[in-house]
C-alpha atoms as a PDB file:
ATOM      1  CA  MET A   1     -35.232 -11.325 100.523  1.00  0.00           C
ATOM      2  CA  ALA A   2     -36.250 -12.644  97.776  1.00  0.00           C
ATOM      3  CA  PHE A   3     -39.143 -14.150  96.401  1.00  0.00           C
ATOM      4  CA  LEU A   4     -36.799 -17.084  94.795  1.00  0.00           C
ATOM      5  CA  GLU A   5     -34.839 -17.490  97.984  1.00  0.00           C
ATOM      6  CA  THR A   6     -37.624 -17.729 100.879  1.00  0.00           C
ATOM      7  CA  MET A   7     -40.665 -18.339  97.851  1.00  0.00           C
ATOM      8  CA  GLN A   8     -42.255 -15.708 100.567  1.00  0.00           C
ATOM      9  CA  TRP A   9     -44.230 -12.889  99.282  1.00  0.00           C
ATOM     10  CA  THR A  10     -43.292  -9.017  99.596  1.00  0.00           C
ATOM     11  CA  TYR A  11     -44.602  -5.012  99.957  1.00  0.00           C
ATOM     12  CA  PRO A  12     -41.475  -2.828  99.284  1.00  0.00           C
ATOM     13  CA  GLN A  13     -41.093   0.298 100.040  1.00  0.00           C
ATOM     14  CA  THR A  14     -40.801   2.474  97.137  1.00  0.00           C
ATOM     15  CA  LEU A  15     -39.770   6.396  96.755  1.00  0.00           C
ATOM     16  CA  GLY A  16     -40.139   8.854  94.104  1.00  0.00           C
ATOM     17  CA  ASP A  17     -43.192   9.210  91.461  1.00  0.00           C
ATOM     18  CA  VAL A  18     -45.213   6.315  92.243  1.00  0.00           C
ATOM     19  CA  PRO A  19     -47.948   5.290  89.497  1.00  0.00           C
ATOM     20  CA  PRO A  20     -51.326   5.942  90.477  1.00  0.00           C
ATOM     21  CA  PRO A  21     -53.503   2.870  90.638  1.00  0.00           C
ATOM     22  CA  CYS A  22     -53.805   0.561  86.870  1.00  0.00           C
ATOM     23  CA  ARG A  23     -54.801  -2.774  85.544  1.00  0.00           C
ATOM     24  CA  ALA A  24     -54.002  -3.572  82.147  1.00  0.00           C
ATOM     25  CA  HIS A  25     -50.160  -1.773  81.954  1.00  0.00           C
ATOM     26  CA  THR A  26     -47.009  -3.553  80.695  1.00  0.00           C
ATOM     27  CA  ALA A  27     -44.527  -3.995  82.271  1.00  0.00           C
ATOM     28  CA  THR A  28     -40.846  -4.420  81.119  1.00  0.00           C
ATOM     29  CA  LEU A  29     -37.676  -5.172  82.403  1.00  0.00           C
ATOM     30  CA  VAL A  30     -34.244  -3.027  81.547  1.00  0.00           C
ATOM     31  CA  ASP A  31     -31.078  -4.268  82.802  1.00  0.00           C
ATOM     32  CA  GLN A  32     -32.634  -3.328  86.887  1.00  0.00           C
ATOM     33  CA  LYS A  33     -35.643  -1.342  85.776  1.00  0.00           C
ATOM     34  CA  ILE A  34     -38.611  -1.813  85.575  1.00  0.00           C
ATOM     35  CA  VAL A  35     -40.493   0.033  82.884  1.00  0.00           C
ATOM     36  CA  MET A  36     -44.112   0.401  83.150  1.00  0.00           C
ATOM     37  CA  ILE A  37     -46.457   1.790  80.286  1.00  0.00           C
ATOM     38  CA  GLY A  38     -49.993   2.958  80.020  1.00  0.00           C
ATOM     39  CA  GLY A  39     -53.362   1.361  81.243  1.00  0.00           C
ATOM     40  CA  GLY A  40     -56.404   2.759  83.296  1.00  0.00           C
ATOM     41  CA  GLU A  41     -58.352   2.474  86.126  1.00  0.00           C
ATOM     42  CA  GLY A  42     -62.887   3.235  85.436  1.00  0.00           C
ATOM     43  CA  PRO A  43     -62.871   4.684  82.567  1.00  0.00           C
ATOM     44  CA  TYR A  44     -58.810   6.347  82.167  1.00  0.00           C
ATOM     45  CA  TYR A  45     -56.276   5.261  79.698  1.00  0.00           C
ATOM     46  CA  TYR A  46     -53.153   6.020  80.166  1.00  0.00           C
ATOM     47  CA  ASN A  47     -50.329   6.475  77.946  1.00  0.00           C
ATOM     48  CA  ASP A  48     -47.856   7.850  80.679  1.00  0.00           C
ATOM     49  CA  VAL A  49     -44.157   5.633  81.670  1.00  0.00           C
ATOM     50  CA  TYR A  50     -42.730   4.886  85.568  1.00  0.00           C
ATOM     51  CA  VAL A  51     -40.310   3.122  85.368  1.00  0.00           C
ATOM     52  CA  LEU A  52     -38.858   1.576  89.118  1.00  0.00           C
ATOM     53  CA  ASP A  53     -35.042   1.201  89.933  1.00  0.00           C
ATOM     54  CA  THR A  54     -35.127  -2.224  91.737  1.00  0.00           C
ATOM     55  CA  VAL A  55     -31.257  -1.821  93.642  1.00  0.00           C
ATOM     56  CA  THR A  56     -32.619   1.633  94.582  1.00  0.00           C
ATOM     57  CA  ARG A  57     -36.500   0.975  94.760  1.00  0.00           C
ATOM     58  CA  ARG A  58     -37.553   4.068  92.860  1.00  0.00           C
ATOM     59  CA  TRP A  59     -40.045   5.426  91.062  1.00  0.00           C
ATOM     60  CA  THR A  60     -39.076   7.646  88.274  1.00  0.00           C
ATOM     61  CA  ARG A  61     -41.286   9.475  85.642  1.00  0.00           C
ATOM     62  CA  PRO A  62     -39.637  10.292  82.513  1.00  0.00           C
ATOM     63  CA  THR A  63     -40.357  13.567  80.983  1.00  0.00           C
ATOM     64  CA  PHE A  64     -41.429  14.105  77.023  1.00  0.00           C
ATOM     65  CA  ASN A  65     -40.557  16.721  74.583  1.00  0.00           C
ATOM     66  CA  PRO A  66     -44.402  17.907  73.463  1.00  0.00           C
ATOM     67  CA  ASN A  67     -43.560  18.749  70.267  1.00  0.00           C
ATOM     68  CA  ALA A  68     -42.880  14.891  69.961  1.00  0.00           C
ATOM     69  CA  PRO A  69     -45.318  12.081  68.604  1.00  0.00           C
ATOM     70  CA  LEU A  70     -46.738  10.135  71.816  1.00  0.00           C
ATOM     71  CA  PRO A  71     -49.146   6.998  71.867  1.00  0.00           C
ATOM     72  CA  PRO A  72     -52.291   8.059  72.554  1.00  0.00           C
ATOM     73  CA  PRO A  73     -53.267   6.168  76.144  1.00  0.00           C
ATOM     74  CA  ARG A  74     -53.816   2.573  75.546  1.00  0.00           C
ATOM     75  CA  ARG A  75     -54.358  -0.417  78.046  1.00  0.00           C
ATOM     76  CA  ALA A  76     -54.220  -4.445  77.487  1.00  0.00           C
ATOM     77  CA  HIS A  77     -51.660  -3.997  75.141  1.00  0.00           C
ATOM     78  CA  THR A  78     -48.133  -6.030  74.617  1.00  0.00           C
ATOM     79  CA  ALA A  79     -44.179  -5.139  74.995  1.00  0.00           C
ATOM     80  CA  VAL A  80     -41.274  -6.699  73.864  1.00  0.00           C
ATOM     81  CA  TYR A  81     -37.868  -5.754  74.712  1.00  0.00           C
ATOM     82  CA  TYR A  82     -35.337  -5.884  71.912  1.00  0.00           C
ATOM     83  CA  ARG A  83     -32.055  -4.251  70.874  1.00  0.00           C
ATOM     84  CA  GLY A  84     -32.518  -0.862  73.834  1.00  0.00           C
ATOM     85  CA  ARG A  85     -36.079  -0.798  72.496  1.00  0.00           C
ATOM     86  CA  ILE A  86     -39.757  -1.728  73.782  1.00  0.00           C
ATOM     87  CA  TRP A  87     -42.118  -2.182  71.020  1.00  0.00           C
ATOM     88  CA  VAL A  88     -45.699  -1.614  72.486  1.00  0.00           C
ATOM     89  CA  PHE A  89     -48.131  -2.826  70.469  1.00  0.00           C
ATOM     90  CA  GLY A  90     -52.064  -2.752  70.099  1.00  0.00           C
ATOM     91  CA  GLY A  91     -54.559  -2.929  72.921  1.00  0.00           C
ATOM     92  CA  GLY A  92     -57.683  -0.765  73.668  1.00  0.00           C
ATOM     93  CA  ASN A  93     -58.719   3.235  74.372  1.00  0.00           C
ATOM     94  CA  GLY A  94     -61.713   3.064  75.812  1.00  0.00           C
ATOM     95  CA  THR A  95     -63.604   3.195  72.728  1.00  0.00           C
ATOM     96  CA  GLN A  96     -62.109   0.415  69.925  1.00  0.00           C
ATOM     97  CA  ALA A  97     -59.144  -1.354  69.815  1.00  0.00           C
ATOM     98  CA  LEU A  98     -55.874  -0.558  68.305  1.00  0.00           C
ATOM     99  CA  ASN A  99     -53.339  -1.909  66.021  1.00  0.00           C
ATOM    100  CA  ASP A 100     -50.878   0.601  66.352  1.00  0.00           C
ATOM    101  CA  LEU A 101     -46.799  -0.210  67.130  1.00  0.00           C
ATOM    102  CA  TRP A 102     -45.354   2.145  68.688  1.00  0.00           C
ATOM    103  CA  THR A 103     -40.804   2.364  69.601  1.00  0.00           C
ATOM    104  CA  LEU A 104     -39.525   3.532  72.916  1.00  0.00           C
ATOM    105  CA  GLU A 105     -35.966   4.398  72.761  1.00  0.00           C
ATOM    106  CA  VAL A 106     -34.442   3.579  76.783  1.00  0.00           C
ATOM    107  CA  GLY A 107     -31.341   1.784  75.447  1.00  0.00           C
ATOM    108  CA  SER A 108     -29.435  -1.017  77.270  1.00  0.00           C
ATOM    109  CA  THR A 109     -30.237   0.868  81.491  1.00  0.00           C
ATOM    110  CA  ALA A 110     -33.537   2.424  80.834  1.00  0.00           C
ATOM    111  CA  ASN A 111     -32.400   6.276  81.015  1.00  0.00           C
ATOM    112  CA  VAL A 112     -35.382   8.013  80.916  1.00  0.00           C
ATOM    113  CA  GLU A 113     -33.217  11.647  80.180  1.00  0.00           C
ATOM    114  CA  ARG A 114     -32.848   9.694  76.475  1.00  0.00           C
ATOM    115  CA  MET A 115     -36.704   8.138  75.943  1.00  0.00           C
ATOM    116  CA  LYS A 116     -38.549   8.325  73.577  1.00  0.00           C
ATOM    117  CA  TRP A 117     -41.257   7.264  71.522  1.00  0.00           C
ATOM    118  CA  GLU A 118     -41.849   6.388  67.366  1.00  0.00           C
ATOM    119  CA  LEU A 119     -44.844   5.194  66.007  1.00  0.00           C
ATOM    120  CA  VAL A 120     -43.443   2.730  63.690  1.00  0.00           C
ATOM    121  CA  ASN A 121     -44.445   2.239  60.186  1.00  0.00           C
ATOM    122  CA  THR A 122     -44.391  -1.322  59.711  1.00  0.00           C
ATOM    123  CA  ARG A 123     -44.994  -3.513  55.877  1.00  0.00           C
ATOM    124  CA  GLY A 124     -47.010  -6.989  55.231  1.00  0.00           C
ATOM    125  CA  ARG A 125     -50.387  -7.578  56.776  1.00  0.00           C
ATOM    126  CA  LYS A 126     -50.588  -6.678  60.919  1.00  0.00           C
ATOM    127  CA  PRO A 127     -52.648  -8.105  62.469  1.00  0.00           C
ATOM    128  CA  THR A 128     -56.564  -6.392  63.183  1.00  0.00           C
ATOM    129  CA  ALA A 129     -56.934  -4.134  65.846  1.00  0.00           C
ATOM    130  CA  ARG A 130     -57.081  -5.468  68.998  1.00  0.00           C
ATOM    131  CA  GLY A 131     -56.165  -5.834  73.378  1.00  0.00           C
ATOM    132  CA  TYR A 132     -55.818  -9.181  75.669  1.00  0.00           C
ATOM    133  CA  HIS A 133     -53.588 -11.240  73.345  1.00  0.00           C
ATOM    134  CA  THR A 134     -50.407 -12.564  73.826  1.00  0.00           C
ATOM    135  CA  ALA A 135     -47.410 -11.585  72.456  1.00  0.00           C
ATOM    136  CA  ASN A 136     -43.406 -12.900  73.508  1.00  0.00           C
ATOM    137  CA  LEU A 137     -39.304 -12.001  71.302  1.00  0.00           C
ATOM    138  CA  VAL A 138     -39.009 -15.180  69.193  1.00  0.00           C
ATOM    139  CA  GLY A 139     -35.660 -14.304  68.127  1.00  0.00           C
ATOM    140  CA  HIS A 140     -35.867 -10.346  66.279  1.00  0.00           C
ATOM    141  CA  VAL A 141     -39.340 -11.471  65.195  1.00  0.00           C
ATOM    142  CA  MET A 142     -42.838 -10.267  68.220  1.00  0.00           C
ATOM    143  CA  VAL A 143     -45.540 -13.100  68.108  1.00  0.00           C
ATOM    144  CA  VAL A 144     -48.329 -11.759  67.963  1.00  0.00           C
ATOM    145  CA  VAL A 145     -51.204 -14.337  70.152  1.00  0.00           C
ATOM    146  CA  GLY A 146     -54.965 -13.969  69.669  1.00  0.00           C
ATOM    147  CA  GLY A 147     -56.750 -11.708  71.212  1.00  0.00           C
ATOM    148  CA  SER A 148     -60.012  -9.267  71.652  1.00  0.00           C
ATOM    149  CA  ASP A 149     -61.482  -5.985  69.451  1.00  0.00           C
ATOM    150  CA  GLY A 150     -64.532  -6.326  71.785  1.00  0.00           C
ATOM    151  CA  ARG A 151     -66.909  -7.963  69.539  1.00  0.00           C
ATOM    152  CA  GLU A 152     -65.252 -11.639  68.548  1.00  0.00           C
ATOM    153  CA  CYS A 153     -62.016 -13.235  70.385  1.00  0.00           C
ATOM    154  CA  PHE A 154     -58.918 -14.225  68.332  1.00  0.00           C
ATOM    155  CA  SER A 155     -57.093 -17.323  67.723  1.00  0.00           C
ATOM    156  CA  ASP A 156     -54.833 -16.134  64.862  1.00  0.00           C
ATOM    157  CA  VAL A 157     -51.381 -15.167  64.668  1.00  0.00           C
END
């Protein structure tokens, strides 16, 4: 039964490559799959990707070409899904706040065999480095609001 039908939380059993405990990751819905990116636990920061198929309840961990670019480990970043890609902005790596922008090519079904990272070079004034911000997709624009660089809190958009 779905939560909306029963208004009860459940703890479904899952299979496969279950991710380690972590916090401050992102979880982005792509079709019937949840794509989890980054996060961390204690002093550890991850750049791992895990995909949960909500139908089969199986976790899969994609492997990436070792010669291809990968984003640095991070947590407290944001992610939005747009046109077959998950757009990941900012966060922190334990030493500093980040303001880089990466895309993870996932297509329309989050096929783990075809996932590929790309660093995006942007134009114009980009947000200062930050984590714990929010980001939402409005039309074809990723809107970043607030956050902190560990020293000060931001209220900008």
